[in-house]
N, C-alpha and C. Protein backbone atom coordinates (compact mmCIF):
# COMPACT_ATOMS: atom_id res chain seq x y z
N UNK A 1 195.27 108.42 71.97
CA UNK A 1 194.41 109.57 72.25
C UNK A 1 193.23 109.15 73.12
N UNK A 2 192.58 108.03 72.74
CA UNK A 2 191.45 107.53 73.49
C UNK A 2 191.89 107.10 74.88
N UNK A 3 193.06 106.47 74.97
CA UNK A 3 193.58 106.02 76.25
C UNK A 3 193.86 107.21 77.16
N UNK A 4 194.39 108.28 76.59
CA UNK A 4 194.68 109.48 77.37
C UNK A 4 193.39 110.12 77.87
N UNK A 5 192.36 110.13 77.02
CA UNK A 5 191.07 110.68 77.41
C UNK A 5 190.46 109.88 78.55
N UNK A 6 190.59 108.56 78.46
CA UNK A 6 190.06 107.69 79.52
C UNK A 6 190.78 107.98 80.83
N UNK A 7 192.09 108.14 80.75
CA UNK A 7 192.88 108.42 81.96
C UNK A 7 192.47 109.75 82.58
N UNK A 8 192.27 110.77 81.73
CA UNK A 8 191.89 112.08 82.23
C UNK A 8 190.51 112.04 82.91
N UNK A 9 189.58 111.30 82.31
CA UNK A 9 188.25 111.17 82.90
C UNK A 9 188.31 110.43 84.23
N UNK A 10 189.12 109.37 84.27
CA UNK A 10 189.26 108.60 85.50
C UNK A 10 189.88 109.45 86.60
N UNK A 11 190.87 110.25 86.23
CA UNK A 11 191.54 111.12 87.20
C UNK A 11 190.57 112.19 87.71
N UNK A 12 189.77 112.75 86.79
CA UNK A 12 188.81 113.78 87.18
C UNK A 12 187.76 113.20 88.12
N UNK A 13 187.29 111.99 87.84
CA UNK A 13 186.30 111.34 88.70
C UNK A 13 186.87 111.03 90.07
N UNK A 14 188.13 110.58 90.09
CA UNK A 14 188.78 110.26 91.37
C UNK A 14 188.97 111.52 92.20
N UNK A 15 189.42 112.59 91.54
CA UNK A 15 189.63 113.87 92.25
C UNK A 15 188.32 114.38 92.81
N UNK A 16 187.26 114.29 92.01
CA UNK A 16 185.95 114.74 92.47
C UNK A 16 185.49 113.93 93.67
N UNK A 17 185.67 112.61 93.63
CA UNK A 17 185.21 111.76 94.73
C UNK A 17 185.93 112.09 96.02
N UNK A 18 187.24 112.23 95.94
CA UNK A 18 188.03 112.51 97.14
C UNK A 18 187.73 113.90 97.68
N UNK A 19 187.62 114.88 96.78
CA UNK A 19 187.47 116.27 97.22
C UNK A 19 186.04 116.63 97.59
N UNK A 20 185.04 116.10 96.84
CA UNK A 20 183.68 116.59 97.02
C UNK A 20 182.60 115.53 97.13
N UNK A 21 182.83 114.35 96.56
CA UNK A 21 181.77 113.35 96.45
C UNK A 21 181.12 113.00 97.78
N UNK A 22 181.94 112.66 98.76
CA UNK A 22 181.40 112.29 100.07
C UNK A 22 180.67 113.43 100.74
N UNK A 23 181.21 114.64 100.60
CA UNK A 23 180.58 115.82 101.22
C UNK A 23 179.22 116.09 100.58
N UNK A 24 179.12 115.96 99.26
CA UNK A 24 177.85 116.20 98.57
C UNK A 24 176.79 115.21 99.04
N UNK A 25 177.16 113.94 99.14
CA UNK A 25 176.20 112.92 99.60
C UNK A 25 175.77 113.18 101.03
N UNK A 26 176.72 113.55 101.88
CA UNK A 26 176.41 113.83 103.28
C UNK A 26 175.46 115.01 103.41
N UNK A 27 175.73 116.08 102.68
CA UNK A 27 174.88 117.27 102.76
C UNK A 27 173.51 117.01 102.13
N UNK A 28 173.48 116.16 101.11
CA UNK A 28 172.19 115.77 100.54
C UNK A 28 171.34 115.04 101.57
N UNK A 29 171.98 114.15 102.33
CA UNK A 29 171.27 113.44 103.39
C UNK A 29 170.74 114.40 104.46
N UNK A 30 171.42 115.50 104.66
CA UNK A 30 170.99 116.49 105.65
C UNK A 30 169.89 117.41 105.12
N UNK A 31 169.55 117.26 103.85
CA UNK A 31 168.46 118.05 103.28
C UNK A 31 168.89 119.32 102.57
N UNK A 32 170.20 119.49 102.33
CA UNK A 32 170.67 120.68 101.62
C UNK A 32 170.26 120.63 100.16
N UNK A 33 170.00 121.79 99.57
CA UNK A 33 169.75 121.89 98.14
C UNK A 33 171.08 121.95 97.40
N UNK A 34 171.04 121.81 96.08
CA UNK A 34 172.28 121.87 95.29
C UNK A 34 172.97 123.22 95.48
N UNK A 35 172.18 124.29 95.52
CA UNK A 35 172.76 125.63 95.72
C UNK A 35 173.44 125.73 97.07
N UNK A 36 172.79 125.24 98.11
CA UNK A 36 173.37 125.28 99.45
C UNK A 36 174.65 124.44 99.53
N UNK A 37 174.64 123.31 98.85
CA UNK A 37 175.83 122.45 98.85
C UNK A 37 177.00 123.17 98.18
N UNK A 38 176.73 123.84 97.06
CA UNK A 38 177.79 124.55 96.34
C UNK A 38 178.43 125.62 97.23
N UNK A 39 177.66 126.19 98.13
CA UNK A 39 178.17 127.23 99.02
C UNK A 39 178.95 126.65 100.19
N UNK A 40 178.79 125.35 100.46
CA UNK A 40 179.45 124.71 101.60
C UNK A 40 180.77 124.03 101.25
N UNK A 41 180.94 123.66 99.99
CA UNK A 41 182.11 122.89 99.60
C UNK A 41 183.39 123.72 99.66
N UNK A 42 184.45 123.12 100.18
CA UNK A 42 185.75 123.79 100.24
C UNK A 42 186.47 123.72 98.90
N UNK A 43 186.23 122.63 98.16
CA UNK A 43 186.91 122.43 96.88
C UNK A 43 185.99 122.91 95.74
N UNK A 44 186.48 123.78 94.85
CA UNK A 44 185.63 124.28 93.74
C UNK A 44 185.08 123.11 92.91
N UNK A 45 183.77 123.04 92.80
CA UNK A 45 183.12 121.95 92.09
C UNK A 45 182.07 122.51 91.14
N UNK A 46 182.11 122.16 89.86
CA UNK A 46 181.10 122.65 88.91
C UNK A 46 179.70 122.30 89.39
N UNK A 47 178.77 123.21 89.17
CA UNK A 47 177.40 123.00 89.67
C UNK A 47 176.78 121.75 89.07
N UNK A 48 177.09 121.46 87.80
CA UNK A 48 176.51 120.29 87.16
C UNK A 48 176.98 119.00 87.82
N UNK A 49 178.21 119.01 88.37
CA UNK A 49 178.69 117.81 89.05
C UNK A 49 177.99 117.63 90.39
N UNK A 50 177.70 118.73 91.05
CA UNK A 50 176.95 118.65 92.30
C UNK A 50 175.56 118.08 92.02
N UNK A 51 174.92 118.58 90.97
CA UNK A 51 173.60 118.09 90.61
C UNK A 51 173.63 116.59 90.27
N UNK A 52 174.63 116.19 89.50
CA UNK A 52 174.74 114.79 89.09
C UNK A 52 174.95 113.89 90.30
N UNK A 53 175.87 114.28 91.19
CA UNK A 53 176.14 113.49 92.40
C UNK A 53 174.91 113.42 93.30
N UNK A 54 174.24 114.55 93.43
CA UNK A 54 173.05 114.62 94.27
C UNK A 54 171.96 113.71 93.72
N UNK A 55 171.70 113.79 92.41
CA UNK A 55 170.67 112.96 91.78
C UNK A 55 170.98 111.48 91.95
N UNK A 56 172.21 111.09 91.67
CA UNK A 56 172.59 109.68 91.78
C UNK A 56 172.43 109.19 93.22
N UNK A 57 172.75 110.05 94.19
CA UNK A 57 172.62 109.64 95.58
C UNK A 57 171.14 109.50 95.97
N UNK A 58 170.30 110.40 95.50
CA UNK A 58 168.87 110.30 95.79
C UNK A 58 168.28 109.03 95.17
N UNK A 59 168.78 108.64 94.00
CA UNK A 59 168.33 107.39 93.37
C UNK A 59 168.86 106.19 94.14
N UNK A 60 170.14 106.23 94.50
CA UNK A 60 170.76 105.10 95.20
C UNK A 60 170.15 104.86 96.58
N UNK A 61 169.72 105.92 97.24
CA UNK A 61 169.12 105.79 98.56
C UNK A 61 167.59 105.68 98.48
N UNK A 62 167.07 105.59 97.27
CA UNK A 62 165.65 105.38 97.01
C UNK A 62 164.76 106.51 97.52
N UNK A 63 165.34 107.72 97.60
CA UNK A 63 164.50 108.90 97.78
C UNK A 63 163.74 109.13 96.47
N UNK A 64 164.44 108.87 95.37
CA UNK A 64 163.83 108.90 94.04
C UNK A 64 163.90 107.51 93.43
N UNK A 65 162.77 107.02 92.94
CA UNK A 65 162.72 105.74 92.23
C UNK A 65 162.53 106.01 90.74
N UNK A 66 163.21 105.21 89.93
CA UNK A 66 163.07 105.34 88.49
C UNK A 66 161.98 104.44 87.93
N UNK A 67 161.55 103.48 88.74
CA UNK A 67 160.47 102.58 88.34
C UNK A 67 159.33 102.69 89.35
N UNK A 68 158.15 102.30 88.96
CA UNK A 68 156.98 102.40 89.83
C UNK A 68 157.22 101.63 91.13
N UNK A 69 156.87 102.21 92.27
CA UNK A 69 157.07 101.53 93.56
C UNK A 69 156.29 100.23 93.63
N UNK A 70 156.84 99.30 94.42
CA UNK A 70 156.09 98.09 94.72
C UNK A 70 156.38 96.88 93.90
N UNK A 71 157.43 96.87 93.11
CA UNK A 71 157.74 95.68 92.33
C UNK A 71 159.14 95.73 91.76
N UNK A 72 159.63 94.59 91.32
CA UNK A 72 160.94 94.53 90.68
C UNK A 72 162.06 94.32 91.67
N UNK A 73 163.27 94.24 91.14
CA UNK A 73 164.46 94.02 91.97
C UNK A 73 165.02 95.35 92.44
N UNK A 74 165.35 95.42 93.72
CA UNK A 74 165.91 96.63 94.30
C UNK A 74 167.41 96.45 94.47
N UNK A 75 168.13 97.56 94.46
CA UNK A 75 169.57 97.54 94.65
C UNK A 75 169.95 98.35 95.87
N UNK A 76 170.85 97.80 96.65
CA UNK A 76 171.37 98.50 97.81
C UNK A 76 172.77 99.00 97.48
N UNK A 77 172.99 100.29 97.65
CA UNK A 77 174.28 100.90 97.30
C UNK A 77 174.93 101.44 98.55
N UNK A 78 176.23 101.18 98.70
CA UNK A 78 176.98 101.73 99.82
C UNK A 78 178.31 102.24 99.31
N UNK A 79 178.99 103.03 100.14
CA UNK A 79 180.29 103.58 99.79
C UNK A 79 181.30 103.16 100.84
N UNK A 80 182.35 102.52 100.39
CA UNK A 80 183.37 101.99 101.29
C UNK A 80 184.60 102.90 101.24
N UNK A 81 185.03 103.36 102.42
CA UNK A 81 186.24 104.19 102.47
C UNK A 81 187.46 103.27 102.43
N UNK A 82 188.42 103.57 101.55
CA UNK A 82 189.65 102.79 101.44
C UNK A 82 190.85 103.73 101.49
N UNK A 83 192.00 103.20 101.86
CA UNK A 83 193.22 103.99 101.96
C UNK A 83 194.32 103.35 101.12
N UNK A 84 195.09 104.22 100.43
CA UNK A 84 196.20 103.69 99.66
C UNK A 84 197.43 103.56 100.54
N UNK A 85 198.57 103.19 99.94
CA UNK A 85 199.78 102.95 100.72
C UNK A 85 200.32 104.20 101.39
N UNK A 86 199.86 105.37 100.94
CA UNK A 86 200.31 106.62 101.53
C UNK A 86 199.29 107.18 102.55
N UNK A 87 198.24 106.40 102.79
CA UNK A 87 197.24 106.83 103.76
C UNK A 87 196.18 107.75 103.21
N UNK A 88 196.15 107.94 101.88
CA UNK A 88 195.15 108.83 101.28
C UNK A 88 193.84 108.08 101.15
N UNK A 89 192.74 108.72 101.58
CA UNK A 89 191.43 108.09 101.58
C UNK A 89 190.73 108.28 100.24
N UNK A 90 189.95 107.29 99.87
CA UNK A 90 189.07 107.39 98.71
C UNK A 90 187.84 106.55 99.00
N UNK A 91 186.81 106.69 98.16
CA UNK A 91 185.57 105.95 98.35
C UNK A 91 185.31 105.06 97.15
N UNK A 92 184.88 103.84 97.44
CA UNK A 92 184.52 102.90 96.38
C UNK A 92 183.03 102.59 96.48
N UNK A 93 182.33 102.73 95.35
CA UNK A 93 180.89 102.49 95.32
C UNK A 93 180.63 100.99 95.18
N UNK A 94 179.82 100.45 96.06
CA UNK A 94 179.51 99.02 96.07
C UNK A 94 178.01 98.85 95.88
N UNK A 95 177.63 98.07 94.87
CA UNK A 95 176.22 97.81 94.59
C UNK A 95 175.91 96.36 94.94
N UNK A 96 174.93 96.17 95.79
CA UNK A 96 174.51 94.83 96.18
C UNK A 96 173.07 94.62 95.74
N UNK A 97 172.84 93.66 94.84
CA UNK A 97 171.48 93.39 94.39
C UNK A 97 170.74 92.60 95.46
N UNK A 98 169.52 93.00 95.73
CA UNK A 98 168.69 92.30 96.69
C UNK A 98 167.70 91.42 95.96
N UNK A 99 167.06 90.53 96.69
CA UNK A 99 166.08 89.63 96.09
C UNK A 99 164.90 90.43 95.55
N UNK A 100 164.28 89.88 94.52
CA UNK A 100 163.14 90.56 93.93
C UNK A 100 162.01 90.68 94.95
N UNK A 101 161.35 91.83 94.92
CA UNK A 101 160.22 92.05 95.82
C UNK A 101 158.99 91.33 95.30
N UNK A 102 158.08 90.99 96.21
CA UNK A 102 156.80 90.44 95.81
C UNK A 102 155.94 91.62 95.35
N UNK A 103 155.47 91.61 94.11
CA UNK A 103 154.66 92.74 93.62
C UNK A 103 153.45 92.99 94.50
N UNK A 104 153.12 94.25 94.71
CA UNK A 104 151.98 94.62 95.53
C UNK A 104 150.70 94.56 94.69
N UNK A 105 149.66 93.97 95.26
CA UNK A 105 148.34 93.99 94.62
C UNK A 105 147.64 95.25 95.12
N UNK A 106 147.73 96.30 94.33
CA UNK A 106 147.28 97.60 94.77
C UNK A 106 145.76 97.69 94.91
N UNK A 107 145.34 98.45 95.91
CA UNK A 107 143.95 98.87 96.05
C UNK A 107 143.88 100.29 95.52
N UNK A 108 143.26 100.47 94.38
CA UNK A 108 143.26 101.77 93.70
C UNK A 108 142.13 102.65 94.20
N UNK A 109 142.49 103.86 94.59
CA UNK A 109 141.54 104.82 95.15
C UNK A 109 141.66 106.14 94.40
N UNK A 110 140.65 106.97 94.54
CA UNK A 110 140.67 108.30 93.94
C UNK A 110 140.37 109.31 95.04
N UNK A 111 141.24 110.29 95.20
CA UNK A 111 141.07 111.26 96.28
C UNK A 111 139.91 112.20 96.01
N UNK A 112 139.13 112.43 97.06
CA UNK A 112 138.03 113.39 97.00
C UNK A 112 138.27 114.44 98.08
N UNK A 113 138.61 115.64 97.66
CA UNK A 113 138.94 116.71 98.60
C UNK A 113 137.78 117.04 99.53
N UNK A 114 136.55 116.80 99.08
CA UNK A 114 135.39 117.11 99.92
C UNK A 114 135.29 116.15 101.10
N UNK A 115 135.73 114.91 100.89
CA UNK A 115 135.66 113.92 101.96
C UNK A 115 136.78 114.09 102.97
N UNK A 116 137.98 114.40 102.49
CA UNK A 116 139.13 114.57 103.37
C UNK A 116 140.17 115.45 102.68
N UNK A 117 140.55 116.57 103.29
CA UNK A 117 141.58 117.43 102.69
C UNK A 117 142.87 116.65 102.46
N UNK A 118 143.56 116.97 101.37
CA UNK A 118 144.77 116.24 101.02
C UNK A 118 145.81 116.31 102.14
N UNK A 119 145.94 117.45 102.79
CA UNK A 119 146.93 117.60 103.86
C UNK A 119 146.68 116.60 104.99
N UNK A 120 145.41 116.41 105.35
CA UNK A 120 145.06 115.46 106.42
C UNK A 120 145.32 114.03 105.97
N UNK A 121 144.93 113.73 104.73
CA UNK A 121 145.11 112.38 104.20
C UNK A 121 146.59 111.99 104.14
N UNK A 122 147.43 112.89 103.64
CA UNK A 122 148.86 112.58 103.53
C UNK A 122 149.47 112.37 104.90
N UNK A 123 149.13 113.22 105.85
CA UNK A 123 149.65 113.08 107.21
C UNK A 123 149.27 111.73 107.79
N UNK A 124 148.04 111.32 107.57
CA UNK A 124 147.55 110.05 108.10
C UNK A 124 148.24 108.87 107.44
N UNK A 125 148.31 108.89 106.10
CA UNK A 125 148.89 107.74 105.37
C UNK A 125 150.39 107.61 105.61
N UNK A 126 151.10 108.72 105.64
CA UNK A 126 152.55 108.65 105.87
C UNK A 126 152.84 108.20 107.30
N UNK A 127 152.00 108.57 108.24
CA UNK A 127 152.18 108.12 109.63
C UNK A 127 152.07 106.59 109.70
N UNK A 128 151.18 106.01 108.91
CA UNK A 128 150.98 104.55 108.91
C UNK A 128 152.08 103.84 108.12
N UNK A 129 152.41 104.36 106.94
CA UNK A 129 153.33 103.68 106.03
C UNK A 129 154.79 104.08 106.22
N UNK A 130 155.03 105.22 106.89
CA UNK A 130 156.39 105.73 107.03
C UNK A 130 156.82 106.42 105.74
N UNK A 131 157.78 107.32 105.85
CA UNK A 131 158.26 108.01 104.64
C UNK A 131 158.82 107.02 103.63
N UNK A 132 159.55 106.00 104.12
CA UNK A 132 160.18 105.04 103.21
C UNK A 132 159.16 104.19 102.47
N UNK A 133 157.91 104.20 102.92
CA UNK A 133 156.88 103.42 102.26
C UNK A 133 155.84 104.29 101.57
N UNK A 134 156.19 105.55 101.33
CA UNK A 134 155.25 106.50 100.73
C UNK A 134 155.93 107.25 99.59
N UNK A 135 155.33 107.21 98.40
CA UNK A 135 155.91 107.86 97.23
C UNK A 135 154.82 108.60 96.45
N UNK A 136 155.28 109.52 95.61
CA UNK A 136 154.36 110.23 94.72
C UNK A 136 154.98 110.29 93.33
N UNK A 137 154.16 110.09 92.30
CA UNK A 137 154.67 110.18 90.93
C UNK A 137 155.03 111.62 90.63
N UNK A 138 156.08 111.79 89.87
CA UNK A 138 156.62 113.13 89.62
C UNK A 138 156.98 113.28 88.14
N UNK A 139 156.27 114.19 87.46
CA UNK A 139 156.48 114.41 86.03
C UNK A 139 157.17 115.74 85.73
N UNK A 140 157.90 116.26 86.70
CA UNK A 140 158.59 117.54 86.50
C UNK A 140 159.56 117.48 85.33
N UNK A 141 160.24 116.35 85.19
CA UNK A 141 161.18 116.21 84.08
C UNK A 141 160.49 116.23 82.73
N UNK A 142 159.35 115.56 82.62
CA UNK A 142 158.58 115.56 81.38
C UNK A 142 158.13 116.98 81.04
N UNK A 143 157.68 117.70 82.07
CA UNK A 143 157.22 119.07 81.86
C UNK A 143 158.38 119.99 81.46
N UNK A 144 159.51 119.83 82.14
CA UNK A 144 160.69 120.65 81.84
C UNK A 144 161.11 120.51 80.39
N UNK A 145 161.09 119.29 79.87
CA UNK A 145 161.59 119.04 78.52
C UNK A 145 160.55 119.30 77.43
N UNK A 146 159.27 119.18 77.76
CA UNK A 146 158.23 119.36 76.73
C UNK A 146 157.59 120.73 76.77
N UNK A 147 157.46 121.30 77.98
CA UNK A 147 156.82 122.61 78.13
C UNK A 147 157.63 123.48 79.10
N UNK A 148 158.83 123.91 78.70
CA UNK A 148 159.71 124.64 79.61
C UNK A 148 159.08 125.92 80.18
N UNK A 149 158.25 126.60 79.40
CA UNK A 149 157.63 127.82 79.91
C UNK A 149 156.62 127.50 81.01
N UNK A 150 155.84 126.46 80.80
CA UNK A 150 154.89 126.02 81.84
C UNK A 150 155.65 125.59 83.09
N UNK A 151 156.77 124.92 82.89
CA UNK A 151 157.62 124.49 84.01
C UNK A 151 158.08 125.70 84.83
N UNK A 152 158.51 126.75 84.16
CA UNK A 152 158.96 127.96 84.86
C UNK A 152 157.80 128.62 85.61
N UNK A 153 156.63 128.62 85.00
CA UNK A 153 155.46 129.19 85.66
C UNK A 153 155.08 128.38 86.90
N UNK A 154 155.19 127.07 86.77
CA UNK A 154 154.89 126.18 87.91
C UNK A 154 155.82 126.46 89.09
N UNK A 155 157.10 126.68 88.80
CA UNK A 155 158.08 126.95 89.86
C UNK A 155 157.71 128.20 90.65
N UNK A 156 157.07 129.16 90.00
CA UNK A 156 156.70 130.40 90.67
C UNK A 156 155.58 130.18 91.69
N UNK A 157 154.92 129.03 91.62
CA UNK A 157 153.88 128.71 92.60
C UNK A 157 154.49 128.26 93.92
N UNK A 158 155.76 127.88 93.90
CA UNK A 158 156.43 127.35 95.09
C UNK A 158 157.09 128.47 95.87
N UNK A 159 157.35 128.22 97.16
CA UNK A 159 158.11 129.22 97.91
C UNK A 159 159.60 129.08 97.56
N UNK A 160 160.40 129.98 98.07
CA UNK A 160 161.81 130.04 97.66
C UNK A 160 162.56 128.74 97.94
N UNK A 161 162.36 128.18 99.13
CA UNK A 161 163.08 126.96 99.50
C UNK A 161 162.65 125.78 98.63
N UNK A 162 161.35 125.66 98.38
CA UNK A 162 160.85 124.58 97.54
C UNK A 162 161.37 124.72 96.11
N UNK A 163 161.33 125.93 95.60
CA UNK A 163 161.79 126.20 94.23
C UNK A 163 163.28 125.89 94.09
N UNK A 164 164.05 126.23 95.10
CA UNK A 164 165.50 125.99 95.06
C UNK A 164 165.80 124.50 95.00
N UNK A 165 165.03 123.71 95.73
CA UNK A 165 165.24 122.25 95.71
C UNK A 165 164.91 121.69 94.33
N UNK A 166 163.75 122.07 93.79
CA UNK A 166 163.33 121.54 92.50
C UNK A 166 164.29 121.97 91.39
N UNK A 167 164.66 123.24 91.37
CA UNK A 167 165.56 123.74 90.33
C UNK A 167 166.95 123.12 90.40
N UNK A 168 167.34 122.68 91.57
CA UNK A 168 168.69 122.13 91.74
C UNK A 168 168.85 120.70 91.29
N UNK A 169 167.76 120.04 90.93
CA UNK A 169 167.84 118.65 90.49
C UNK A 169 167.81 118.55 88.97
N UNK A 170 168.66 117.71 88.39
CA UNK A 170 168.70 117.57 86.93
C UNK A 170 167.64 116.59 86.45
N UNK A 171 166.40 117.03 86.41
CA UNK A 171 165.28 116.15 86.08
C UNK A 171 165.44 115.53 84.70
N UNK A 172 165.18 114.23 84.62
CA UNK A 172 165.25 113.51 83.35
C UNK A 172 163.90 113.60 82.64
N UNK A 173 163.92 113.35 81.34
CA UNK A 173 162.71 113.42 80.53
C UNK A 173 161.89 112.13 80.68
N UNK A 174 161.40 111.92 81.91
CA UNK A 174 160.66 110.71 82.22
C UNK A 174 159.94 110.89 83.55
N UNK A 175 158.97 110.04 83.80
CA UNK A 175 158.31 110.03 85.11
C UNK A 175 159.21 109.34 86.12
N UNK A 176 159.34 109.93 87.29
CA UNK A 176 160.04 109.31 88.40
C UNK A 176 159.10 109.33 89.61
N UNK A 177 159.56 108.76 90.73
CA UNK A 177 158.73 108.67 91.92
C UNK A 177 159.54 109.15 93.11
N UNK A 178 159.04 110.19 93.77
CA UNK A 178 159.77 110.81 94.86
C UNK A 178 159.17 110.40 96.20
N UNK A 179 160.04 110.08 97.15
CA UNK A 179 159.56 109.72 98.48
C UNK A 179 158.79 110.90 99.09
N UNK A 180 157.72 110.60 99.79
CA UNK A 180 156.92 111.64 100.42
C UNK A 180 157.52 112.02 101.76
N UNK A 181 158.70 112.64 101.70
CA UNK A 181 159.29 113.20 102.91
C UNK A 181 158.63 114.55 103.18
N UNK A 182 159.01 115.18 104.28
CA UNK A 182 158.34 116.42 104.70
C UNK A 182 158.40 117.49 103.60
N UNK A 183 159.55 117.62 102.94
CA UNK A 183 159.69 118.65 101.91
C UNK A 183 158.80 118.35 100.70
N UNK A 184 158.77 117.10 100.28
CA UNK A 184 157.98 116.76 99.10
C UNK A 184 156.48 116.85 99.39
N UNK A 185 156.08 116.58 100.62
CA UNK A 185 154.67 116.73 100.98
C UNK A 185 154.25 118.18 100.82
N UNK A 186 155.08 119.11 101.26
CA UNK A 186 154.77 120.53 101.14
C UNK A 186 154.69 120.96 99.67
N UNK A 187 155.63 120.44 98.86
CA UNK A 187 155.61 120.77 97.43
C UNK A 187 154.35 120.21 96.78
N UNK A 188 154.01 118.98 97.10
CA UNK A 188 152.82 118.35 96.53
C UNK A 188 151.55 119.11 96.92
N UNK A 189 151.44 119.45 98.18
CA UNK A 189 150.26 120.18 98.65
C UNK A 189 150.13 121.53 97.94
N UNK A 190 151.26 122.21 97.78
CA UNK A 190 151.24 123.52 97.12
C UNK A 190 150.78 123.39 95.67
N UNK A 191 151.35 122.45 94.94
CA UNK A 191 150.99 122.28 93.53
C UNK A 191 149.55 121.80 93.36
N UNK A 192 149.12 120.93 94.26
CA UNK A 192 147.74 120.42 94.19
C UNK A 192 146.74 121.54 94.43
N UNK A 193 147.02 122.37 95.43
CA UNK A 193 146.12 123.49 95.73
C UNK A 193 146.08 124.50 94.59
N UNK A 194 147.20 124.60 93.84
CA UNK A 194 147.25 125.52 92.70
C UNK A 194 146.76 124.86 91.41
N UNK A 195 146.22 123.63 91.56
CA UNK A 195 145.72 122.85 90.42
C UNK A 195 146.82 122.60 89.39
N UNK A 196 148.04 122.39 89.89
CA UNK A 196 149.19 122.14 89.03
C UNK A 196 149.72 120.71 89.19
N UNK A 197 148.95 119.86 89.87
CA UNK A 197 149.42 118.48 90.03
C UNK A 197 148.31 117.49 89.72
N UNK A 198 148.67 116.51 88.90
CA UNK A 198 147.85 115.33 88.64
C UNK A 198 148.80 114.15 88.68
N UNK A 199 148.48 113.15 89.47
CA UNK A 199 149.38 112.00 89.56
C UNK A 199 148.89 111.00 90.59
N UNK A 200 149.81 110.19 91.10
CA UNK A 200 149.44 109.09 91.97
C UNK A 200 150.35 109.05 93.19
N UNK A 201 149.75 108.82 94.35
CA UNK A 201 150.50 108.56 95.58
C UNK A 201 150.48 107.05 95.83
N UNK A 202 151.62 106.53 96.28
CA UNK A 202 151.75 105.10 96.55
C UNK A 202 152.07 104.90 98.03
N UNK A 203 151.30 104.02 98.67
CA UNK A 203 151.54 103.71 100.07
C UNK A 203 151.76 102.20 100.17
N UNK A 204 153.02 101.82 100.35
CA UNK A 204 153.41 100.43 100.21
C UNK A 204 152.88 99.52 101.30
N UNK A 205 152.90 99.96 102.53
CA UNK A 205 152.48 99.11 103.65
C UNK A 205 151.01 98.78 103.58
N UNK A 206 150.19 99.78 103.27
CA UNK A 206 148.74 99.57 103.18
C UNK A 206 148.30 99.15 101.79
N UNK A 207 149.24 99.15 100.84
CA UNK A 207 148.93 98.69 99.48
C UNK A 207 147.94 99.58 98.75
N UNK A 208 148.04 100.87 98.97
CA UNK A 208 147.08 101.81 98.37
C UNK A 208 147.76 102.64 97.26
N UNK A 209 147.06 102.77 96.16
CA UNK A 209 147.49 103.62 95.07
C UNK A 209 146.41 104.70 94.93
N UNK A 210 146.77 105.92 95.30
CA UNK A 210 145.78 106.99 95.39
C UNK A 210 145.97 107.99 94.25
N UNK A 211 144.97 108.12 93.42
CA UNK A 211 145.03 109.05 92.28
C UNK A 211 144.60 110.45 92.72
N UNK A 212 145.39 111.43 92.36
CA UNK A 212 145.07 112.82 92.63
C UNK A 212 144.80 113.52 91.31
N UNK A 213 143.66 114.19 91.21
CA UNK A 213 143.36 114.89 89.96
C UNK A 213 142.40 116.04 90.21
């Protein structure tokens, strides 16, 4: 019975990978939300699987970090296309561990809106550090699991596109760190202006840890 269950799960995972996995990752890279991806797929795929694949890809590509930026061992993940004897393609996930990073000795700062508006500061810091070197702490998962009503109210502060992105991710009950790409900068600015954000921005190249409150 257990062996049959294992086989069924393996078959389901293989079918998902061949039919939808690569497409979900590609569309995620293009900036599609989970809802938009579900509308693009040719093969019927449960929404929860789209969310799971999307989340794992964002973690694997370090758009989302599960540990605080600037320290520890990083992993590089790639997907290798392979063909069986009948020419059918499939993808194999390959994880390559990289050398441990040298921990950053952070310069801790506190943002003062009177001295410089957050929008100007973020634009300046991301220009210097690059998106890949700029992150913001994100407690949406903690809020979702501990205060679901507050979480729903917070979503109403966002515009439709921002709300669709946030709602489409299966947030875990923990703090994570999201790369400060163009979309996340807009979300952060909106929540900060609505006094709905307290957290920290990390800028790896300049070694700055900026507290927002």
